[in-house]
Amino acid sequence: FQRAELWNDLEETARSMEKPWLVA
C-alpha cells in the first residue's frame, strides 16, 4: 500500500517532468 503511493507520486512527477530524469 505504501509502495503504491510511491508509484503514484512517481507517475505524477513523470507527467510534469521537463528535465532529464534518473530514477534509481
mmCIF file of all heavy atoms, coordinates in Angstrom:
data_MODEL
# 
_entry.id   MODEL 
# 
loop_
_atom_site.group_PDB 
_atom_site.id 
_atom_site.type_symbol 
_atom_site.label_atom_id 
_atom_site.label_alt_id 
_atom_site.label_comp_id 
_atom_site.label_asym_id 
_atom_site.label_entity_id 
_atom_site.label_seq_id 
_atom_site.pdbx_PDB_ins_code 
_atom_site.Cartn_x 
_atom_site.Cartn_y 
_atom_site.Cartn_z 
_atom_site.occupancy 
_atom_site.B_iso_or_equiv 
_atom_site.pdbx_formal_charge 
_atom_site.auth_seq_id 
_atom_site.auth_comp_id 
_atom_site.auth_asym_id 
_atom_site.auth_atom_id 
_atom_site.pdbx_PDB_model_num 
ATOM 1   N N   . PHE A 1 1  ? 0.831  -1.211 0.000   1.00 0.00 ? 1  PHE A N   1 
ATOM 2   C CA  . PHE A 1 1  ? 0.000  0.000  0.000   1.00 0.00 ? 1  PHE A CA  1 
ATOM 3   C C   . PHE A 1 1  ? 0.862  1.257  0.000   1.00 0.00 ? 1  PHE A C   1 
ATOM 4   O O   . PHE A 1 1  ? 0.592  2.201  -0.740  1.00 0.00 ? 1  PHE A O   1 
ATOM 5   C CB  . PHE A 1 1  ? -0.966 -0.013 1.187   1.00 0.00 ? 1  PHE A CB  1 
ATOM 6   C CG  . PHE A 1 1  ? -1.926 -1.165 1.134   1.00 0.00 ? 1  PHE A CG  1 
ATOM 7   C CD1 . PHE A 1 1  ? -1.776 -2.231 2.015   1.00 0.00 ? 1  PHE A CD1 1 
ATOM 8   C CD2 . PHE A 1 1  ? -2.949 -1.204 0.198   1.00 0.00 ? 1  PHE A CD2 1 
ATOM 9   C CE1 . PHE A 1 1  ? -2.638 -3.315 1.954   1.00 0.00 ? 1  PHE A CE1 1 
ATOM 10  C CE2 . PHE A 1 1  ? -3.821 -2.286 0.137   1.00 0.00 ? 1  PHE A CE2 1 
ATOM 11  C CZ  . PHE A 1 1  ? -3.669 -3.344 1.012   1.00 0.00 ? 1  PHE A CZ  1 
ATOM 12  N N   . GLN A 1 2  ? 1.909  1.250  0.813   1.00 0.00 ? 2  GLN A N   1 
ATOM 13  C CA  . GLN A 1 2  ? 2.823  2.393  0.816   1.00 0.00 ? 2  GLN A CA  1 
ATOM 14  C C   . GLN A 1 2  ? 3.587  2.480  -0.503  1.00 0.00 ? 2  GLN A C   1 
ATOM 15  O O   . GLN A 1 2  ? 3.824  3.570  -1.026  1.00 0.00 ? 2  GLN A O   1 
ATOM 16  C CB  . GLN A 1 2  ? 3.798  2.289  1.988   1.00 0.00 ? 2  GLN A CB  1 
ATOM 17  C CG  . GLN A 1 2  ? 3.129  2.492  3.319   1.00 0.00 ? 2  GLN A CG  1 
ATOM 18  C CD  . GLN A 1 2  ? 4.097  2.321  4.474   1.00 0.00 ? 2  GLN A CD  1 
ATOM 19  O OE1 . GLN A 1 2  ? 5.297  2.055  4.295   1.00 0.00 ? 2  GLN A OE1 1 
ATOM 20  N NE2 . GLN A 1 2  ? 3.589  2.465  5.686   1.00 0.00 ? 2  GLN A NE2 1 
ATOM 21  N N   . ARG A 1 3  ? 3.971  1.327  -1.043  1.00 0.00 ? 3  ARG A N   1 
ATOM 22  C CA  . ARG A 1 3  ? 4.680  1.291  -2.321  1.00 0.00 ? 3  ARG A CA  1 
ATOM 23  C C   . ARG A 1 3  ? 3.792  1.846  -3.435  1.00 0.00 ? 3  ARG A C   1 
ATOM 24  O O   . ARG A 1 3  ? 4.257  2.570  -4.311  1.00 0.00 ? 3  ARG A O   1 
ATOM 25  C CB  . ARG A 1 3  ? 5.132  -0.132 -2.628  1.00 0.00 ? 3  ARG A CB  1 
ATOM 26  C CG  . ARG A 1 3  ? 6.161  -0.211 -3.716  1.00 0.00 ? 3  ARG A CG  1 
ATOM 27  C CD  . ARG A 1 3  ? 6.769  -1.591 -3.853  1.00 0.00 ? 3  ARG A CD  1 
ATOM 28  N NE  . ARG A 1 3  ? 5.779  -2.633 -4.008  1.00 0.00 ? 3  ARG A NE  1 
ATOM 29  C CZ  . ARG A 1 3  ? 5.610  -3.653 -3.167  1.00 0.00 ? 3  ARG A CZ  1 
ATOM 30  N NH1 . ARG A 1 3  ? 6.359  -3.776 -2.100  1.00 0.00 ? 3  ARG A NH1 1 
ATOM 31  N NH2 . ARG A 1 3  ? 4.693  -4.569 -3.402  1.00 0.00 ? 3  ARG A NH2 1 
ATOM 32  N N   . ALA A 1 4  ? 2.498  1.570  -3.398  1.00 0.00 ? 4  ALA A N   1 
ATOM 33  C CA  . ALA A 1 4  ? 1.564  2.099  -4.396  1.00 0.00 ? 4  ALA A CA  1 
ATOM 34  C C   . ALA A 1 4  ? 1.532  3.626  -4.354  1.00 0.00 ? 4  ALA A C   1 
ATOM 35  O O   . ALA A 1 4  ? 1.455  4.280  -5.400  1.00 0.00 ? 4  ALA A O   1 
ATOM 36  C CB  . ALA A 1 4  ? 0.174  1.524  -4.181  1.00 0.00 ? 4  ALA A CB  1 
ATOM 37  N N   . GLU A 1 5  ? 1.628  4.194  -3.144  1.00 0.00 ? 5  GLU A N   1 
ATOM 38  C CA  . GLU A 1 5  ? 1.691  5.654  -3.029  1.00 0.00 ? 5  GLU A CA  1 
ATOM 39  C C   . GLU A 1 5  ? 2.929  6.197  -3.736  1.00 0.00 ? 5  GLU A C   1 
ATOM 40  O O   . GLU A 1 5  ? 2.870  7.227  -4.416  1.00 0.00 ? 5  GLU A O   1 
ATOM 41  C CB  . GLU A 1 5  ? 1.716  6.073  -1.559  1.00 0.00 ? 5  GLU A CB  1 
ATOM 42  C CG  . GLU A 1 5  ? 0.425  5.852  -0.819  1.00 0.00 ? 5  GLU A CG  1 
ATOM 43  C CD  . GLU A 1 5  ? 0.549  6.214  0.659   1.00 0.00 ? 5  GLU A CD  1 
ATOM 44  O OE1 . GLU A 1 5  ? 1.451  6.997  1.038   1.00 0.00 ? 5  GLU A OE1 1 
ATOM 45  O OE2 . GLU A 1 5  ? -0.256 5.686  1.449   1.00 0.00 ? 5  GLU A OE2 1 
ATOM 46  N N   . LEU A 1 6  ? 4.055  5.509  -3.567  1.00 0.00 ? 6  LEU A N   1 
ATOM 47  C CA  . LEU A 1 6  ? 5.289  5.921  -4.240  1.00 0.00 ? 6  LEU A CA  1 
ATOM 48  C C   . LEU A 1 6  ? 5.101  5.891  -5.747  1.00 0.00 ? 6  LEU A C   1 
ATOM 49  O O   . LEU A 1 6  ? 5.464  6.843  -6.448  1.00 0.00 ? 6  LEU A O   1 
ATOM 50  C CB  . LEU A 1 6  ? 6.454  5.020  -3.838  1.00 0.00 ? 6  LEU A CB  1 
ATOM 51  C CG  . LEU A 1 6  ? 7.725  5.201  -4.671  1.00 0.00 ? 6  LEU A CG  1 
ATOM 52  C CD1 . LEU A 1 6  ? 8.369  6.543  -4.400  1.00 0.00 ? 6  LEU A CD1 1 
ATOM 53  C CD2 . LEU A 1 6  ? 8.695  4.064  -4.417  1.00 0.00 ? 6  LEU A CD2 1 
ATOM 54  N N   . TRP A 1 7  ? 4.554  4.790  -6.281  1.00 0.00 ? 7  TRP A N   1 
ATOM 55  C CA  . TRP A 1 7  ? 4.352  4.679  -7.724  1.00 0.00 ? 7  TRP A CA  1 
ATOM 56  C C   . TRP A 1 7  ? 3.451  5.805  -8.224  1.00 0.00 ? 7  TRP A C   1 
ATOM 57  O O   . TRP A 1 7  ? 3.717  6.394  -9.279  1.00 0.00 ? 7  TRP A O   1 
ATOM 58  C CB  . TRP A 1 7  ? 3.762  3.319  -8.093  1.00 0.00 ? 7  TRP A CB  1 
ATOM 59  C CG  . TRP A 1 7  ? 4.774  2.219  -8.043  1.00 0.00 ? 7  TRP A CG  1 
ATOM 60  C CD1 . TRP A 1 7  ? 4.786  1.172  -7.178  1.00 0.00 ? 7  TRP A CD1 1 
ATOM 61  C CD2 . TRP A 1 7  ? 5.936  2.065  -8.869  1.00 0.00 ? 7  TRP A CD2 1 
ATOM 62  N NE1 . TRP A 1 7  ? 5.882  0.367  -7.420  1.00 0.00 ? 7  TRP A NE1 1 
ATOM 63  C CE2 . TRP A 1 7  ? 6.603  0.900  -8.451  1.00 0.00 ? 7  TRP A CE2 1 
ATOM 64  C CE3 . TRP A 1 7  ? 6.478  2.803  -9.912  1.00 0.00 ? 7  TRP A CE3 1 
ATOM 65  C CZ2 . TRP A 1 7  ? 7.778  0.450  -9.050  1.00 0.00 ? 7  TRP A CZ2 1 
ATOM 66  C CZ3 . TRP A 1 7  ? 7.652  2.352  -10.503 1.00 0.00 ? 7  TRP A CZ3 1 
ATOM 67  C CH2 . TRP A 1 7  ? 8.285  1.191  -10.071 1.00 0.00 ? 7  TRP A CH2 1 
ATOM 68  N N   . ASN A 1 8  ? 2.395  6.125  -7.481  1.00 0.00 ? 8  ASN A N   1 
ATOM 69  C CA  . ASN A 1 8  ? 1.512  7.227  -7.876  1.00 0.00 ? 8  ASN A CA  1 
ATOM 70  C C   . ASN A 1 8  ? 2.273  8.550  -7.905  1.00 0.00 ? 8  ASN A C   1 
ATOM 71  O O   . ASN A 1 8  ? 2.120  9.343  -8.832  1.00 0.00 ? 8  ASN A O   1 
ATOM 72  C CB  . ASN A 1 8  ? 0.306  7.329  -6.931  1.00 0.00 ? 8  ASN A CB  1 
ATOM 73  C CG  . ASN A 1 8  ? -0.660 6.185  -7.112  1.00 0.00 ? 8  ASN A CG  1 
ATOM 74  O OD1 . ASN A 1 8  ? -0.709 5.543  -8.157  1.00 0.00 ? 8  ASN A OD1 1 
ATOM 75  N ND2 . ASN A 1 8  ? -1.421 5.894  -6.069  1.00 0.00 ? 8  ASN A ND2 1 
ATOM 76  N N   . ASP A 1 9  ? 3.103  8.789  -6.888  1.00 0.00 ? 9  ASP A N   1 
ATOM 77  C CA  . ASP A 1 9  ? 3.904  10.015 -6.849  1.00 0.00 ? 9  ASP A CA  1 
ATOM 78  C C   . ASP A 1 9  ? 4.888  10.079 -8.015  1.00 0.00 ? 9  ASP A C   1 
ATOM 79  O O   . ASP A 1 9  ? 5.062  11.132 -8.638  1.00 0.00 ? 9  ASP A O   1 
ATOM 80  C CB  . ASP A 1 9  ? 4.667  10.124 -5.526  1.00 0.00 ? 9  ASP A CB  1 
ATOM 81  C CG  . ASP A 1 9  ? 3.755  10.363 -4.334  1.00 0.00 ? 9  ASP A CG  1 
ATOM 82  O OD1 . ASP A 1 9  ? 2.565  10.716 -4.528  1.00 0.00 ? 9  ASP A OD1 1 
ATOM 83  O OD2 . ASP A 1 9  ? 4.235  10.184 -3.189  1.00 0.00 ? 9  ASP A OD2 1 
ATOM 84  N N   . LEU A 1 10 ? 5.525  8.957  -8.336  1.00 0.00 ? 10 LEU A N   1 
ATOM 85  C CA  . LEU A 1 10 ? 6.468  8.933  -9.462  1.00 0.00 ? 10 LEU A CA  1 
ATOM 86  C C   . LEU A 1 10 ? 5.750  9.159  -10.786 1.00 0.00 ? 10 LEU A C   1 
ATOM 87  O O   . LEU A 1 10 ? 6.269  9.861  -11.669 1.00 0.00 ? 10 LEU A O   1 
ATOM 88  C CB  . LEU A 1 10 ? 7.251  7.622  -9.482  1.00 0.00 ? 10 LEU A CB  1 
ATOM 89  C CG  . LEU A 1 10 ? 8.271  7.423  -8.361  1.00 0.00 ? 10 LEU A CG  1 
ATOM 90  C CD1 . LEU A 1 10 ? 8.857  6.013  -8.409  1.00 0.00 ? 10 LEU A CD1 1 
ATOM 91  C CD2 . LEU A 1 10 ? 9.363  8.479  -8.417  1.00 0.00 ? 10 LEU A CD2 1 
ATOM 92  N N   . GLU A 1 11 ? 4.564  8.584  -10.954 1.00 0.00 ? 11 GLU A N   1 
ATOM 93  C CA  . GLU A 1 11 ? 3.787  8.809  -12.175 1.00 0.00 ? 11 GLU A CA  1 
ATOM 94  C C   . GLU A 1 11 ? 3.395  10.274 -12.311 1.00 0.00 ? 11 GLU A C   1 
ATOM 95  O O   . GLU A 1 11 ? 3.473  10.848 -13.402 1.00 0.00 ? 11 GLU A O   1 
ATOM 96  C CB  . GLU A 1 11 ? 2.545  7.918  -12.204 1.00 0.00 ? 11 GLU A CB  1 
ATOM 97  C CG  . GLU A 1 11 ? 2.870  6.464  -12.462 1.00 0.00 ? 11 GLU A CG  1 
ATOM 98  C CD  . GLU A 1 11 ? 1.651  5.554  -12.343 1.00 0.00 ? 11 GLU A CD  1 
ATOM 99  O OE1 . GLU A 1 11 ? 0.527  6.048  -12.101 1.00 0.00 ? 11 GLU A OE1 1 
ATOM 100 O OE2 . GLU A 1 11 ? 1.836  4.332  -12.487 1.00 0.00 ? 11 GLU A OE2 1 
ATOM 101 N N   . GLU A 1 12 ? 2.998  10.890 -11.214 1.00 0.00 ? 12 GLU A N   1 
ATOM 102 C CA  . GLU A 1 12 ? 2.650  12.311 -11.241 1.00 0.00 ? 12 GLU A CA  1 
ATOM 103 C C   . GLU A 1 12 ? 3.867  13.159 -11.590 1.00 0.00 ? 12 GLU A C   1 
ATOM 104 O O   . GLU A 1 12 ? 3.789  14.092 -12.388 1.00 0.00 ? 12 GLU A O   1 
ATOM 105 C CB  . GLU A 1 12 ? 2.079  12.728 -9.882  1.00 0.00 ? 12 GLU A CB  1 
ATOM 106 C CG  . GLU A 1 12 ? 1.570  14.148 -9.857  1.00 0.00 ? 12 GLU A CG  1 
ATOM 107 C CD  . GLU A 1 12 ? 0.936  14.497 -8.517  1.00 0.00 ? 12 GLU A CD  1 
ATOM 108 O OE1 . GLU A 1 12 ? 0.146  13.673 -8.003  1.00 0.00 ? 12 GLU A OE1 1 
ATOM 109 O OE2 . GLU A 1 12 ? 1.235  15.593 -8.004  1.00 0.00 ? 12 GLU A OE2 1 
ATOM 110 N N   . THR A 1 13 ? 5.000  12.823 -11.012 1.00 0.00 ? 13 THR A N   1 
ATOM 111 C CA  . THR A 1 13 ? 6.246  13.529 -11.325 1.00 0.00 ? 13 THR A CA  1 
ATOM 112 C C   . THR A 1 13 ? 6.587  13.380 -12.807 1.00 0.00 ? 13 THR A C   1 
ATOM 113 O O   . THR A 1 13 ? 6.971  14.356 -13.465 1.00 0.00 ? 13 THR A O   1 
ATOM 114 C CB  . THR A 1 13 ? 7.400  12.994 -10.453 1.00 0.00 ? 13 THR A CB  1 
ATOM 115 O OG1 . THR A 1 13 ? 7.080  13.221 -9.084  1.00 0.00 ? 13 THR A OG1 1 
ATOM 116 C CG2 . THR A 1 13 ? 8.714  13.666 -10.789 1.00 0.00 ? 13 THR A CG2 1 
ATOM 117 N N   . ALA A 1 14 ? 6.437  12.183 -13.339 1.00 0.00 ? 14 ALA A N   1 
ATOM 118 C CA  . ALA A 1 14 ? 6.759  11.926 -14.750 1.00 0.00 ? 14 ALA A CA  1 
ATOM 119 C C   . ALA A 1 14 ? 5.906  12.787 -15.676 1.00 0.00 ? 14 ALA A C   1 
ATOM 120 O O   . ALA A 1 14 ? 6.402  13.290 -16.693 1.00 0.00 ? 14 ALA A O   1 
ATOM 121 C CB  . ALA A 1 14 ? 6.565  10.451 -15.077 1.00 0.00 ? 14 ALA A CB  1 
ATOM 122 N N   . ARG A 1 15 ? 4.642  12.976 -15.329 1.00 0.00 ? 15 ARG A N   1 
ATOM 123 C CA  . ARG A 1 15 ? 3.751  13.782 -16.188 1.00 0.00 ? 15 ARG A CA  1 
ATOM 124 C C   . ARG A 1 15 ? 4.196  15.234 -16.279 1.00 0.00 ? 15 ARG A C   1 
ATOM 125 O O   . ARG A 1 15 ? 3.963  15.889 -17.286 1.00 0.00 ? 15 ARG A O   1 
ATOM 126 C CB  . ARG A 1 15 ? 2.311  13.708 -15.675 1.00 0.00 ? 15 ARG A CB  1 
ATOM 127 C CG  . ARG A 1 15 ? 1.612  12.402 -16.020 1.00 0.00 ? 15 ARG A CG  1 
ATOM 128 C CD  . ARG A 1 15 ? 0.120  12.470 -15.743 1.00 0.00 ? 15 ARG A CD  1 
ATOM 129 N NE  . ARG A 1 15 ? -0.195 12.441 -14.317 1.00 0.00 ? 15 ARG A NE  1 
ATOM 130 C CZ  . ARG A 1 15 ? -0.316 11.342 -13.595 1.00 0.00 ? 15 ARG A CZ  1 
ATOM 131 N NH1 . ARG A 1 15 ? -0.138 10.168 -14.158 1.00 0.00 ? 15 ARG A NH1 1 
ATOM 132 N NH2 . ARG A 1 15 ? -0.612 11.410 -12.316 1.00 0.00 ? 15 ARG A NH2 1 
ATOM 133 N N   . SER A 1 16 ? 4.827  15.739 -15.225 1.00 0.00 ? 16 SER A N   1 
ATOM 134 C CA  . SER A 1 16 ? 5.218  17.148 -15.223 1.00 0.00 ? 16 SER A CA  1 
ATOM 135 C C   . SER A 1 16 ? 6.715  17.365 -15.454 1.00 0.00 ? 16 SER A C   1 
ATOM 136 O O   . SER A 1 16 ? 7.180  18.498 -15.432 1.00 0.00 ? 16 SER A O   1 
ATOM 137 C CB  . SER A 1 16 ? 4.805  17.788 -13.895 1.00 0.00 ? 16 SER A CB  1 
ATOM 138 O OG  . SER A 1 16 ? 5.487  17.176 -12.823 1.00 0.00 ? 16 SER A OG  1 
ATOM 139 N N   . MET A 1 17 ? 7.457  16.294 -15.691 1.00 0.00 ? 17 MET A N   1 
ATOM 140 C CA  . MET A 1 17 ? 8.911  16.392 -15.811 1.00 0.00 ? 17 MET A CA  1 
ATOM 141 C C   . MET A 1 17 ? 9.308  17.071 -17.120 1.00 0.00 ? 17 MET A C   1 
ATOM 142 O O   . MET A 1 17 ? 8.858  16.676 -18.187 1.00 0.00 ? 17 MET A O   1 
ATOM 143 C CB  . MET A 1 17 ? 9.537  14.991 -15.729 1.00 0.00 ? 17 MET A CB  1 
ATOM 144 C CG  . MET A 1 17 ? 11.044 14.994 -15.661 1.00 0.00 ? 17 MET A CG  1 
ATOM 145 S SD  . MET A 1 17 ? 11.754 15.923 -14.279 1.00 0.00 ? 17 MET A SD  1 
ATOM 146 C CE  . MET A 1 17 ? 11.076 15.074 -12.878 1.00 0.00 ? 17 MET A CE  1 
ATOM 147 N N   . GLU A 1 18 ? 10.157 18.081 -17.005 1.00 0.00 ? 18 GLU A N   1 
ATOM 148 C CA  . GLU A 1 18 ? 10.643 18.803 -18.188 1.00 0.00 ? 18 GLU A CA  1 
ATOM 149 C C   . GLU A 1 18 ? 12.151 18.688 -18.364 1.00 0.00 ? 18 GLU A C   1 
ATOM 150 O O   . GLU A 1 18 ? 12.688 19.148 -19.354 1.00 0.00 ? 18 GLU A O   1 
ATOM 151 C CB  . GLU A 1 18 ? 10.230 20.272 -18.091 1.00 0.00 ? 18 GLU A CB  1 
ATOM 152 C CG  . GLU A 1 18 ? 8.721  20.453 -18.106 1.00 0.00 ? 18 GLU A CG  1 
ATOM 153 C CD  . GLU A 1 18 ? 8.298  21.905 -17.970 1.00 0.00 ? 18 GLU A CD  1 
ATOM 154 O OE1 . GLU A 1 18 ? 9.177  22.782 -17.813 1.00 0.00 ? 18 GLU A OE1 1 
ATOM 155 O OE2 . GLU A 1 18 ? 7.081  22.154 -18.002 1.00 0.00 ? 18 GLU A OE2 1 
ATOM 156 N N   . LYS A 1 19 ? 12.822 18.091 -17.407 1.00 0.00 ? 19 LYS A N   1 
ATOM 157 C CA  . LYS A 1 19 ? 14.274 17.938 -17.458 1.00 0.00 ? 19 LYS A CA  1 
ATOM 158 C C   . LYS A 1 19 ? 14.611 16.462 -17.561 1.00 0.00 ? 19 LYS A C   1 
ATOM 159 O O   . LYS A 1 19 ? 13.778 15.608 -17.271 1.00 0.00 ? 19 LYS A O   1 
ATOM 160 C CB  . LYS A 1 19 ? 14.915 18.514 -16.185 1.00 0.00 ? 19 LYS A CB  1 
ATOM 161 C CG  . LYS A 1 19 ? 14.735 19.999 -16.033 1.00 0.00 ? 19 LYS A CG  1 
ATOM 162 C CD  . LYS A 1 19 ? 15.405 20.494 -14.773 1.00 0.00 ? 19 LYS A CD  1 
ATOM 163 C CE  . LYS A 1 19 ? 15.194 22.002 -14.667 1.00 0.00 ? 19 LYS A CE  1 
ATOM 164 N NZ  . LYS A 1 19 ? 15.856 22.551 -13.498 1.00 0.00 ? 19 LYS A NZ  1 
ATOM 165 N N   . PRO A 1 20 ? 15.843 16.137 -17.942 1.00 0.00 ? 20 PRO A N   1 
ATOM 166 C CA  . PRO A 1 20 ? 16.263 14.732 -17.868 1.00 0.00 ? 20 PRO A CA  1 
ATOM 167 C C   . PRO A 1 20 ? 16.084 14.230 -16.435 1.00 0.00 ? 20 PRO A C   1 
ATOM 168 O O   . PRO A 1 20 ? 16.311 14.976 -15.472 1.00 0.00 ? 20 PRO A O   1 
ATOM 169 C CB  . PRO A 1 20 ? 17.739 14.778 -18.254 1.00 0.00 ? 20 PRO A CB  1 
ATOM 170 C CG  . PRO A 1 20 ? 17.896 16.043 -19.040 1.00 0.00 ? 20 PRO A CG  1 
ATOM 171 C CD  . PRO A 1 20 ? 16.903 17.003 -18.455 1.00 0.00 ? 20 PRO A CD  1 
ATOM 172 N N   . TRP A 1 21 ? 15.687 12.955 -16.318 1.00 0.00 ? 21 TRP A N   1 
ATOM 173 C CA  . TRP A 1 21 ? 15.310 12.421 -15.008 1.00 0.00 ? 21 TRP A CA  1 
ATOM 174 C C   . TRP A 1 21 ? 15.844 11.003 -14.865 1.00 0.00 ? 21 TRP A C   1 
ATOM 175 O O   . TRP A 1 21 ? 15.621 10.159 -15.721 1.00 0.00 ? 21 TRP A O   1 
ATOM 176 C CB  . TRP A 1 21 ? 13.793 12.442 -14.904 1.00 0.00 ? 21 TRP A CB  1 
ATOM 177 C CG  . TRP A 1 21 ? 13.180 11.977 -13.628 1.00 0.00 ? 21 TRP A CG  1 
ATOM 178 C CD1 . TRP A 1 21 ? 13.679 12.101 -12.360 1.00 0.00 ? 21 TRP A CD1 1 
ATOM 179 C CD2 . TRP A 1 21 ? 11.914 11.331 -13.482 1.00 0.00 ? 21 TRP A CD2 1 
ATOM 180 N NE1 . TRP A 1 21 ? 12.806 11.584 -11.442 1.00 0.00 ? 21 TRP A NE1 1 
ATOM 181 C CE2 . TRP A 1 21 ? 11.693 11.105 -12.108 1.00 0.00 ? 21 TRP A CE2 1 
ATOM 182 C CE3 . TRP A 1 21 ? 10.928 10.937 -14.379 1.00 0.00 ? 21 TRP A CE3 1 
ATOM 183 C CZ2 . TRP A 1 21 ? 10.559 10.497 -11.617 1.00 0.00 ? 21 TRP A CZ2 1 
ATOM 184 C CZ3 . TRP A 1 21 ? 9.797  10.331 -13.883 1.00 0.00 ? 21 TRP A CZ3 1 
ATOM 185 C CH2 . TRP A 1 21 ? 9.612  10.117 -12.514 1.00 0.00 ? 21 TRP A CH2 1 
ATOM 186 N N   . LEU A 1 22 ? 16.525 10.754 -13.762 1.00 0.00 ? 22 LEU A N   1 
ATOM 187 C CA  . LEU A 1 22 ? 17.000 9.415  -13.427 1.00 0.00 ? 22 LEU A CA  1 
ATOM 188 C C   . LEU A 1 22 ? 16.301 8.952  -12.161 1.00 0.00 ? 22 LEU A C   1 
ATOM 189 O O   . LEU A 1 22 ? 16.319 9.663  -11.150 1.00 0.00 ? 22 LEU A O   1 
ATOM 190 C CB  . LEU A 1 22 ? 18.519 9.410  -13.206 1.00 0.00 ? 22 LEU A CB  1 
ATOM 191 C CG  . LEU A 1 22 ? 19.132 8.112  -12.678 1.00 0.00 ? 22 LEU A CG  1 
ATOM 192 C CD1 . LEU A 1 22 ? 18.968 6.977  -13.693 1.00 0.00 ? 22 LEU A CD1 1 
ATOM 193 C CD2 . LEU A 1 22 ? 20.590 8.320  -12.321 1.00 0.00 ? 22 LEU A CD2 1 
ATOM 194 N N   . VAL A 1 23 ? 15.668 7.789  -12.238 1.00 0.00 ? 23 VAL A N   1 
ATOM 195 C CA  . VAL A 1 23 ? 15.048 7.166  -11.074 1.00 0.00 ? 23 VAL A CA  1 
ATOM 196 C C   . VAL A 1 23 ? 15.876 5.919  -10.783 1.00 0.00 ? 23 VAL A C   1 
ATOM 197 O O   . VAL A 1 23 ? 15.986 5.038  -11.632 1.00 0.00 ? 23 VAL A O   1 
ATOM 198 C CB  . VAL A 1 23 ? 13.572 6.792  -11.344 1.00 0.00 ? 23 VAL A CB  1 
ATOM 199 C CG1 . VAL A 1 23 ? 12.946 6.174  -10.102 1.00 0.00 ? 23 VAL A CG1 1 
ATOM 200 C CG2 . VAL A 1 23 ? 12.781 8.009  -11.805 1.00 0.00 ? 23 VAL A CG2 1 
ATOM 201 N N   . ALA A 1 24 ? 16.483 5.868  -9.593  1.00 0.00 ? 24 ALA A N   1 
ATOM 202 C CA  . ALA A 1 24 ? 17.377 4.756  -9.268  1.00 0.00 ? 24 ALA A CA  1 
ATOM 203 C C   . ALA A 1 24 ? 17.157 4.334  -7.830  1.00 0.00 ? 24 ALA A C   1 
ATOM 204 O O   . ALA A 1 24 ? 16.849 5.160  -6.975  1.00 0.00 ? 24 ALA A O   1 
ATOM 205 C CB  . ALA A 1 24 ? 18.835 5.192  -9.456  1.00 0.00 ? 24 ALA A CB  1 
# 
